[in-house]
């Protein structure tokens, strides 16, 4: 079983969080790294899916709709982690993400949505 690799969209992208994830050994890239700032959500998900990366975003409603559409179209993605914006501090996000990454494999996340709230 392989480890989750993250793609963080611009809504959830905070430099301190990204640095802390990387310092903890989580392979993490951002919308800035990918050159996708202000790109449509569909393009963000396509980028993550093509690279087998789990997308992390605060954009719950839009990405949940995209997930539903992709599943209906039999279009696979590497998974999503969704959280409500401004609900978690950076340290709380880090703790929950590290817990999720430690407990869930890349294979387990395929075509799945996880909500950060479950990992408290």
N, C-alpha and C. Protein backbone atom coordinates (compact mmCIF):
# COMPACT_ATOMS: atom_id res chain seq x y z
N UNK A 1 0.84 -1.19 0.00
CA UNK A 1 0.00 0.00 0.00
C UNK A 1 0.89 1.25 0.00
N UNK A 2 0.55 2.16 -0.87
CA UNK A 2 1.37 3.37 -0.95
C UNK A 2 0.74 4.52 -0.18
N UNK A 3 1.57 5.46 0.14
CA UNK A 3 1.19 6.59 0.97
C UNK A 3 0.50 7.67 0.15
N UNK A 4 -0.42 8.36 0.77
CA UNK A 4 -1.13 9.47 0.15
C UNK A 4 -0.15 10.59 -0.19
N UNK A 5 -0.32 11.16 -1.37
CA UNK A 5 0.38 12.38 -1.77
C UNK A 5 -0.69 13.45 -1.93
N UNK A 6 -0.41 14.65 -1.42
CA UNK A 6 -1.42 15.70 -1.41
C UNK A 6 -1.22 16.75 -2.50
N UNK A 7 -2.34 17.26 -2.97
CA UNK A 7 -2.39 18.46 -3.80
C UNK A 7 -3.32 19.43 -3.07
N UNK A 8 -2.81 20.60 -2.70
CA UNK A 8 -3.59 21.57 -1.95
C UNK A 8 -3.97 22.72 -2.87
N UNK A 9 -5.28 22.93 -3.02
CA UNK A 9 -5.73 24.02 -3.89
C UNK A 9 -5.51 25.37 -3.21
N UNK A 10 -5.75 26.44 -3.95
CA UNK A 10 -5.40 27.76 -3.42
C UNK A 10 -6.26 28.18 -2.23
N UNK A 11 -7.47 27.65 -2.10
CA UNK A 11 -8.32 27.99 -0.96
C UNK A 11 -7.72 27.49 0.36
N UNK A 12 -7.14 26.31 0.34
CA UNK A 12 -6.62 25.70 1.56
C UNK A 12 -5.12 25.88 1.74
N UNK A 13 -4.50 26.55 0.80
CA UNK A 13 -3.04 26.63 0.77
C UNK A 13 -2.52 27.70 1.74
N UNK A 14 -1.91 27.27 2.81
CA UNK A 14 -1.26 28.17 3.77
C UNK A 14 0.18 27.71 3.89
N UNK A 15 1.10 28.65 3.74
CA UNK A 15 2.52 28.29 3.70
C UNK A 15 2.98 27.53 4.93
N UNK A 16 2.51 27.92 6.10
CA UNK A 16 2.92 27.23 7.33
C UNK A 16 2.43 25.79 7.32
N UNK A 17 1.20 25.56 6.89
CA UNK A 17 0.66 24.20 6.82
C UNK A 17 1.43 23.37 5.82
N UNK A 18 1.67 23.93 4.64
CA UNK A 18 2.40 23.20 3.59
C UNK A 18 3.80 22.85 4.09
N UNK A 19 4.48 23.80 4.70
CA UNK A 19 5.82 23.54 5.24
C UNK A 19 5.82 22.47 6.31
N UNK A 20 4.82 22.51 7.19
CA UNK A 20 4.74 21.52 8.26
C UNK A 20 4.43 20.13 7.72
N UNK A 21 3.55 20.05 6.72
CA UNK A 21 3.26 18.74 6.10
C UNK A 21 4.54 18.18 5.48
N UNK A 22 5.24 19.01 4.74
CA UNK A 22 6.50 18.56 4.10
C UNK A 22 7.53 18.16 5.15
N UNK A 23 7.63 18.92 6.23
CA UNK A 23 8.58 18.60 7.30
C UNK A 23 8.24 17.27 7.97
N UNK A 24 6.97 16.89 7.92
CA UNK A 24 6.53 15.62 8.49
C UNK A 24 6.52 14.50 7.46
N UNK A 25 7.14 14.73 6.31
CA UNK A 25 7.32 13.67 5.32
C UNK A 25 6.14 13.44 4.40
N UNK A 26 5.17 14.36 4.38
CA UNK A 26 4.02 14.20 3.49
C UNK A 26 4.35 14.87 2.16
N UNK A 27 4.34 14.11 1.08
CA UNK A 27 4.60 14.63 -0.25
C UNK A 27 3.45 15.56 -0.62
N UNK A 28 3.74 16.86 -0.68
CA UNK A 28 2.70 17.88 -0.84
C UNK A 28 3.10 18.87 -1.92
N UNK A 29 2.17 19.11 -2.85
CA UNK A 29 2.33 20.20 -3.80
C UNK A 29 1.09 21.09 -3.72
N UNK A 30 1.25 22.32 -4.19
CA UNK A 30 0.17 23.30 -4.10
C UNK A 30 -0.21 23.82 -5.48
N UNK A 31 -1.29 24.57 -5.50
CA UNK A 31 -1.73 25.22 -6.74
C UNK A 31 -0.65 26.16 -7.26
N UNK A 32 0.13 26.77 -6.37
CA UNK A 32 1.24 27.63 -6.81
C UNK A 32 2.30 26.78 -7.51
N UNK A 33 2.68 25.66 -6.89
CA UNK A 33 3.68 24.76 -7.50
C UNK A 33 3.23 24.33 -8.89
N UNK A 34 1.93 24.09 -9.04
CA UNK A 34 1.37 23.57 -10.29
C UNK A 34 1.07 24.67 -11.31
N UNK A 35 1.19 25.93 -10.90
CA UNK A 35 0.86 27.03 -11.79
C UNK A 35 -0.64 27.13 -12.06
N UNK A 36 -1.45 26.76 -11.07
CA UNK A 36 -2.90 26.71 -11.28
C UNK A 36 -3.69 27.71 -10.42
N UNK A 37 -3.04 28.79 -10.00
CA UNK A 37 -3.76 29.81 -9.24
C UNK A 37 -4.88 30.39 -10.11
N UNK A 38 -6.06 30.52 -9.52
CA UNK A 38 -7.27 31.04 -10.17
C UNK A 38 -7.76 30.17 -11.33
N UNK A 39 -7.38 28.91 -11.32
CA UNK A 39 -7.87 27.97 -12.33
C UNK A 39 -9.19 27.37 -11.86
N UNK A 40 -10.04 26.94 -12.79
CA UNK A 40 -11.32 26.33 -12.41
C UNK A 40 -11.12 25.06 -11.57
N UNK A 41 -12.11 24.76 -10.74
CA UNK A 41 -12.05 23.58 -9.88
C UNK A 41 -11.84 22.30 -10.67
N UNK A 42 -12.51 22.18 -11.81
CA UNK A 42 -12.38 20.97 -12.65
C UNK A 42 -10.92 20.76 -13.05
N UNK A 43 -10.23 21.85 -13.41
CA UNK A 43 -8.82 21.75 -13.80
C UNK A 43 -7.95 21.35 -12.61
N UNK A 44 -8.28 21.87 -11.43
CA UNK A 44 -7.55 21.50 -10.21
C UNK A 44 -7.68 19.99 -9.96
N UNK A 45 -8.90 19.48 -10.08
CA UNK A 45 -9.13 18.06 -9.85
C UNK A 45 -8.46 17.21 -10.93
N UNK A 46 -8.52 17.65 -12.16
CA UNK A 46 -7.86 16.92 -13.25
C UNK A 46 -6.36 16.83 -12.99
N UNK A 47 -5.76 17.94 -12.58
CA UNK A 47 -4.32 17.96 -12.28
C UNK A 47 -4.00 16.95 -11.18
N UNK A 48 -4.76 16.99 -10.10
CA UNK A 48 -4.52 16.07 -8.99
C UNK A 48 -4.73 14.62 -9.43
N UNK A 49 -5.80 14.36 -10.17
CA UNK A 49 -6.11 12.99 -10.60
C UNK A 49 -5.03 12.43 -11.52
N UNK A 50 -4.55 13.24 -12.45
CA UNK A 50 -3.52 12.79 -13.38
C UNK A 50 -2.23 12.42 -12.67
N UNK A 51 -2.01 13.01 -11.50
CA UNK A 51 -0.77 12.77 -10.75
C UNK A 51 -1.01 11.89 -9.52
N UNK A 52 -2.18 11.29 -9.44
CA UNK A 52 -2.56 10.39 -8.33
C UNK A 52 -2.39 11.06 -6.98
N UNK A 53 -2.80 12.34 -6.90
CA UNK A 53 -2.71 13.10 -5.65
C UNK A 53 -4.09 13.35 -5.08
N UNK A 54 -4.19 13.24 -3.78
CA UNK A 54 -5.43 13.53 -3.08
C UNK A 54 -5.56 15.05 -2.96
N UNK A 55 -6.69 15.57 -3.40
CA UNK A 55 -6.93 17.00 -3.37
C UNK A 55 -7.44 17.42 -1.99
N UNK A 56 -6.85 18.48 -1.44
CA UNK A 56 -7.31 19.04 -0.16
C UNK A 56 -7.84 20.43 -0.43
N UNK A 57 -9.08 20.70 0.00
CA UNK A 57 -9.71 21.98 -0.28
C UNK A 57 -10.72 22.36 0.79
N UNK A 58 -10.96 23.68 0.91
CA UNK A 58 -12.04 24.21 1.73
C UNK A 58 -13.31 24.38 0.90
N UNK A 59 -13.22 24.17 -0.39
CA UNK A 59 -14.34 24.39 -1.31
C UNK A 59 -15.23 23.14 -1.32
N UNK A 60 -15.92 22.92 -0.22
CA UNK A 60 -16.67 21.67 0.00
C UNK A 60 -17.76 21.46 -1.04
N UNK A 61 -18.62 22.43 -1.23
CA UNK A 61 -19.78 22.25 -2.11
C UNK A 61 -19.38 21.95 -3.55
N UNK A 62 -18.47 22.75 -4.09
CA UNK A 62 -18.09 22.58 -5.50
C UNK A 62 -17.36 21.26 -5.74
N UNK A 63 -16.44 20.91 -4.84
CA UNK A 63 -15.72 19.66 -5.05
C UNK A 63 -16.58 18.44 -4.77
N UNK A 64 -17.54 18.56 -3.87
CA UNK A 64 -18.47 17.44 -3.67
C UNK A 64 -19.29 17.21 -4.94
N UNK A 65 -19.73 18.29 -5.58
CA UNK A 65 -20.47 18.18 -6.84
C UNK A 65 -19.59 17.57 -7.93
N UNK A 66 -18.34 18.00 -8.01
CA UNK A 66 -17.42 17.43 -9.00
C UNK A 66 -17.20 15.95 -8.76
N UNK A 67 -17.03 15.57 -7.50
CA UNK A 67 -16.86 14.15 -7.15
C UNK A 67 -18.06 13.35 -7.65
N UNK A 68 -19.25 13.83 -7.37
CA UNK A 68 -20.48 13.14 -7.78
C UNK A 68 -20.54 13.00 -9.30
N UNK A 69 -20.21 14.07 -10.01
CA UNK A 69 -20.24 14.04 -11.48
C UNK A 69 -19.19 13.08 -12.03
N UNK A 70 -18.00 13.09 -11.44
CA UNK A 70 -16.93 12.21 -11.93
C UNK A 70 -17.29 10.75 -11.68
N UNK A 71 -17.83 10.44 -10.52
CA UNK A 71 -18.21 9.06 -10.22
C UNK A 71 -19.30 8.59 -11.18
N UNK A 72 -20.28 9.45 -11.43
CA UNK A 72 -21.37 9.12 -12.37
C UNK A 72 -20.83 8.88 -13.78
N UNK A 73 -19.76 9.61 -14.15
CA UNK A 73 -19.16 9.47 -15.48
C UNK A 73 -18.08 8.39 -15.51
N UNK A 74 -17.92 7.66 -14.40
CA UNK A 74 -16.89 6.63 -14.29
C UNK A 74 -15.49 7.19 -14.56
N UNK A 75 -15.27 8.40 -14.05
CA UNK A 75 -13.99 9.09 -14.21
C UNK A 75 -13.27 9.06 -12.86
N UNK A 76 -12.18 8.33 -12.75
CA UNK A 76 -11.54 8.16 -11.44
C UNK A 76 -10.74 9.38 -10.98
N UNK A 77 -10.64 9.52 -9.67
CA UNK A 77 -9.72 10.50 -9.08
C UNK A 77 -9.07 9.85 -7.85
N UNK A 78 -8.02 10.48 -7.34
CA UNK A 78 -7.24 9.89 -6.26
C UNK A 78 -7.81 10.17 -4.88
N UNK A 79 -8.94 10.87 -4.83
CA UNK A 79 -9.58 11.16 -3.56
C UNK A 79 -9.56 12.63 -3.23
N UNK A 80 -10.39 13.00 -2.26
CA UNK A 80 -10.49 14.38 -1.81
C UNK A 80 -10.59 14.41 -0.29
N UNK A 81 -9.97 15.43 0.28
CA UNK A 81 -10.15 15.74 1.70
C UNK A 81 -10.76 17.13 1.72
N UNK A 82 -11.94 17.24 2.30
CA UNK A 82 -12.65 18.52 2.31
C UNK A 82 -12.86 19.00 3.73
N UNK A 83 -12.76 20.31 3.90
CA UNK A 83 -12.95 20.91 5.22
C UNK A 83 -13.64 22.26 5.06
N UNK A 84 -14.41 22.63 6.06
CA UNK A 84 -15.04 23.95 6.05
C UNK A 84 -13.99 25.02 6.35
N UNK A 85 -14.01 26.08 5.55
CA UNK A 85 -13.03 27.16 5.71
C UNK A 85 -13.19 27.83 7.07
N UNK A 86 -12.09 28.21 7.67
CA UNK A 86 -12.01 28.93 8.93
C UNK A 86 -12.59 28.15 10.11
N UNK A 87 -12.72 26.84 9.94
CA UNK A 87 -13.19 26.03 11.06
C UNK A 87 -12.02 25.50 11.89
N UNK A 88 -10.87 25.37 11.26
CA UNK A 88 -9.71 24.75 11.92
C UNK A 88 -8.51 25.68 11.89
N UNK A 89 -7.77 25.69 12.98
CA UNK A 89 -6.50 26.41 13.00
C UNK A 89 -5.50 25.63 12.14
N UNK A 90 -4.39 26.26 11.82
CA UNK A 90 -3.36 25.57 11.05
C UNK A 90 -2.84 24.34 11.76
N UNK A 91 -2.65 24.44 13.07
CA UNK A 91 -2.13 23.28 13.81
C UNK A 91 -3.18 22.17 13.88
N UNK A 92 -4.45 22.53 13.96
CA UNK A 92 -5.51 21.53 13.97
C UNK A 92 -5.61 20.84 12.61
N UNK A 93 -5.50 21.61 11.53
CA UNK A 93 -5.49 21.01 10.19
C UNK A 93 -4.32 20.03 10.07
N UNK A 94 -3.14 20.47 10.51
CA UNK A 94 -1.95 19.62 10.42
C UNK A 94 -2.16 18.32 11.17
N UNK A 95 -2.62 18.41 12.40
CA UNK A 95 -2.82 17.22 13.23
C UNK A 95 -3.81 16.26 12.56
N UNK A 96 -4.91 16.78 12.07
CA UNK A 96 -5.93 15.94 11.44
C UNK A 96 -5.43 15.34 10.12
N UNK A 97 -4.74 16.14 9.32
CA UNK A 97 -4.21 15.62 8.05
C UNK A 97 -3.17 14.54 8.29
N UNK A 98 -2.29 14.75 9.27
CA UNK A 98 -1.28 13.73 9.58
C UNK A 98 -1.93 12.44 10.06
N UNK A 99 -2.97 12.57 10.84
CA UNK A 99 -3.70 11.39 11.32
C UNK A 99 -4.32 10.64 10.14
N UNK A 100 -4.94 11.37 9.22
CA UNK A 100 -5.57 10.76 8.05
C UNK A 100 -4.52 10.08 7.15
N UNK A 101 -3.42 10.78 6.89
CA UNK A 101 -2.36 10.21 6.04
C UNK A 101 -1.77 8.95 6.66
N UNK A 102 -1.61 8.95 7.97
CA UNK A 102 -1.04 7.78 8.64
C UNK A 102 -1.99 6.58 8.61
N UNK A 103 -3.30 6.84 8.60
CA UNK A 103 -4.27 5.76 8.71
C UNK A 103 -4.86 5.29 7.39
N UNK A 104 -4.63 6.04 6.31
CA UNK A 104 -5.31 5.77 5.05
C UNK A 104 -4.29 5.67 3.92
N UNK A 105 -4.40 4.63 3.12
CA UNK A 105 -3.47 4.46 2.00
C UNK A 105 -4.00 5.17 0.75
N UNK A 106 -3.10 5.33 -0.19
CA UNK A 106 -3.47 5.88 -1.50
C UNK A 106 -4.59 5.05 -2.12
N UNK A 107 -4.48 3.75 -2.01
CA UNK A 107 -5.49 2.85 -2.59
C UNK A 107 -6.85 3.03 -1.91
N UNK A 108 -6.84 3.24 -0.59
CA UNK A 108 -8.08 3.44 0.15
C UNK A 108 -8.79 4.74 -0.23
N UNK A 109 -8.02 5.73 -0.66
CA UNK A 109 -8.59 7.05 -0.96
C UNK A 109 -9.16 7.15 -2.38
N UNK A 110 -8.87 6.20 -3.23
CA UNK A 110 -9.32 6.29 -4.62
C UNK A 110 -10.83 6.53 -4.70
N UNK A 111 -11.21 7.58 -5.43
CA UNK A 111 -12.62 7.93 -5.69
C UNK A 111 -13.43 8.19 -4.42
N UNK A 112 -12.76 8.59 -3.37
CA UNK A 112 -13.41 8.75 -2.08
C UNK A 112 -13.27 10.19 -1.58
N UNK A 113 -14.24 10.60 -0.78
CA UNK A 113 -14.16 11.89 -0.08
C UNK A 113 -14.02 11.61 1.40
N UNK A 114 -13.08 12.30 2.02
CA UNK A 114 -12.96 12.29 3.47
C UNK A 114 -13.18 13.72 3.94
N UNK A 115 -13.88 13.86 5.04
CA UNK A 115 -14.07 15.18 5.64
C UNK A 115 -13.11 15.31 6.81
N UNK A 116 -12.39 16.43 6.86
CA UNK A 116 -11.38 16.63 7.89
C UNK A 116 -12.00 16.54 9.29
N UNK A 117 -13.27 16.86 9.41
CA UNK A 117 -13.96 16.81 10.71
C UNK A 117 -13.95 15.41 11.33
N UNK A 118 -13.84 14.37 10.51
CA UNK A 118 -13.81 13.00 11.04
C UNK A 118 -12.50 12.64 11.73
N UNK A 119 -11.46 13.44 11.52
CA UNK A 119 -10.12 13.05 11.94
C UNK A 119 -9.63 13.83 13.17
N UNK A 120 -10.57 14.25 14.02
CA UNK A 120 -10.23 15.01 15.24
C UNK A 120 -9.75 14.11 16.30
